[in-house]
């Protein structure tokens, strides 16, 4: 995935994540208000469609983050 860097990821992917996370069965923070997401690390796996694996820190409006 040519041109992928942390600035691109932060600008283009992070804004969409709250909606995705809140609908994901595996996300333990459903029902909590997400305040901020932060990209901690990511890597690109060479595959035909391109795959990005990312570690995201979730901060909530109240309580501890994850």
C-alpha atoms as a PDB file:
ATOM      1  CA  UNK A   1       0.000   0.000   0.000  1.00  0.00           C
ATOM      2  CA  UNK A   2       2.056   2.783  -1.358  1.00  0.00           C
ATOM      3  CA  UNK A   3       2.064   6.131   0.438  1.00  0.00           C
ATOM      4  CA  UNK A   4       0.700   4.800   3.721  1.00  0.00           C
ATOM      5  CA  UNK A   5       2.231   6.507   6.750  1.00  0.00           C
ATOM      6  CA  UNK A   6       1.017   7.465  10.206  1.00  0.00           C
ATOM      7  CA  UNK A   7      -0.148  10.926   9.089  1.00  0.00           C
ATOM      8  CA  UNK A   8      -2.246   9.392   6.281  1.00  0.00           C
ATOM      9  CA  UNK A   9      -3.697   6.790   8.636  1.00  0.00           C
ATOM     10  CA  UNK A  10      -4.513   9.392  11.292  1.00  0.00           C
ATOM     11  CA  UNK A  11      -6.203  11.692   8.749  1.00  0.00           C
ATOM     12  CA  UNK A  12      -8.095   9.093   6.709  1.00  0.00           C
ATOM     13  CA  UNK A  13      -8.848   6.107   8.939  1.00  0.00           C
ATOM     14  CA  UNK A  14      -9.080   7.247  12.574  1.00  0.00           C
ATOM     15  CA  UNK A  15     -12.088   9.552  11.982  1.00  0.00           C
ATOM     16  CA  UNK A  16     -14.171   6.571  10.786  1.00  0.00           C
ATOM     17  CA  UNK A  17     -13.188   4.204  13.593  1.00  0.00           C
ATOM     18  CA  UNK A  18     -15.568   5.301  16.387  1.00  0.00           C
ATOM     19  CA  UNK A  19     -18.583   4.273  14.310  1.00  0.00           C
ATOM     20  CA  UNK A  20     -16.962   0.979  13.347  1.00  0.00           C
ATOM     21  CA  UNK A  21     -15.891   0.176  16.910  1.00  0.00           C
ATOM     22  CA  UNK A  22     -19.284   0.939  18.427  1.00  0.00           C
ATOM     23  CA  UNK A  23     -20.903  -1.594  16.070  1.00  0.00           C
ATOM     24  CA  UNK A  24     -18.279  -4.318  16.537  1.00  0.00           C
ATOM     25  CA  UNK A  25     -19.292  -7.259  18.694  1.00  0.00           C
ATOM     26  CA  UNK A  26     -15.731  -7.731  19.987  1.00  0.00           C
ATOM     27  CA  UNK A  27     -15.284  -4.096  21.129  1.00  0.00           C
ATOM     28  CA  UNK A  28     -15.666  -3.953  24.918  1.00  0.00           C
ATOM     29  CA  UNK A  29     -16.323  -0.207  25.015  1.00  0.00           C
ATOM     30  CA  UNK A  30     -19.750  -0.296  23.398  1.00  0.00           C
ATOM     31  CA  UNK A  31     -22.102   2.083  25.169  1.00  0.00           C
ATOM     32  CA  UNK A  32     -19.271   4.388  26.252  1.00  0.00           C
ATOM     33  CA  UNK A  33     -18.589   7.744  24.600  1.00  0.00           C
ATOM     34  CA  UNK A  34     -15.287   7.754  22.725  1.00  0.00           C
ATOM     35  CA  UNK A  35     -13.383  10.988  23.254  1.00  0.00           C
ATOM     36  CA  UNK A  36     -10.194  10.369  21.303  1.00  0.00           C
ATOM     37  CA  UNK A  37      -8.404   7.700  19.270  1.00  0.00           C
ATOM     38  CA  UNK A  38      -4.625   7.592  18.931  1.00  0.00           C
ATOM     39  CA  UNK A  39      -2.575   5.488  16.547  1.00  0.00           C
ATOM     40  CA  UNK A  40       0.139   3.735  18.564  1.00  0.00           C
ATOM     41  CA  UNK A  41       1.615   1.506  15.868  1.00  0.00           C
ATOM     42  CA  UNK A  42       0.746  -0.093  12.558  1.00  0.00           C
ATOM     43  CA  UNK A  43       2.177  -2.364   9.935  1.00  0.00           C
ATOM     44  CA  UNK A  44       1.301  -3.286   6.383  1.00  0.00           C
ATOM     45  CA  UNK A  45       1.043  -6.949   5.450  1.00  0.00           C
ATOM     46  CA  UNK A  46       1.930  -7.603   1.840  1.00  0.00           C
ATOM     47  CA  UNK A  47      -1.152  -9.222   0.353  1.00  0.00           C
ATOM     48  CA  UNK A  48      -3.157  -8.867  -2.878  1.00  0.00           C
ATOM     49  CA  UNK A  49      -5.685  -6.420  -1.354  1.00  0.00           C
ATOM     50  CA  UNK A  50      -3.285  -4.892   1.150  1.00  0.00           C
ATOM     51  CA  UNK A  51      -3.890  -5.371   4.848  1.00  0.00           C
ATOM     52  CA  UNK A  52      -3.117  -2.921   7.626  1.00  0.00           C
ATOM     53  CA  UNK A  53      -2.809  -4.066  11.231  1.00  0.00           C
ATOM     54  CA  UNK A  54      -2.987  -1.242  13.759  1.00  0.00           C
ATOM     55  CA  UNK A  55      -2.834  -0.746  17.508  1.00  0.00           C
ATOM     56  CA  UNK A  56      -5.181   2.044  18.593  1.00  0.00           C
ATOM     57  CA  UNK A  57      -5.518   3.665  22.022  1.00  0.00           C
ATOM     58  CA  UNK A  58      -9.122   4.549  22.864  1.00  0.00           C
ATOM     59  CA  UNK A  59      -9.828   7.332  25.370  1.00  0.00           C
ATOM     60  CA  UNK A  60     -13.328   7.741  26.727  1.00  0.00           C
ATOM     61  CA  UNK A  61     -15.070  10.848  28.027  1.00  0.00           C
ATOM     62  CA  UNK A  62     -15.334   9.127  31.404  1.00  0.00           C
ATOM     63  CA  UNK A  63     -13.248   6.376  32.968  1.00  0.00           C
ATOM     64  CA  UNK A  64     -10.110   4.606  31.883  1.00  0.00           C
ATOM     65  CA  UNK A  65      -9.222   4.050  28.258  1.00  0.00           C
ATOM     66  CA  UNK A  66      -8.121   0.920  26.507  1.00  0.00           C
END
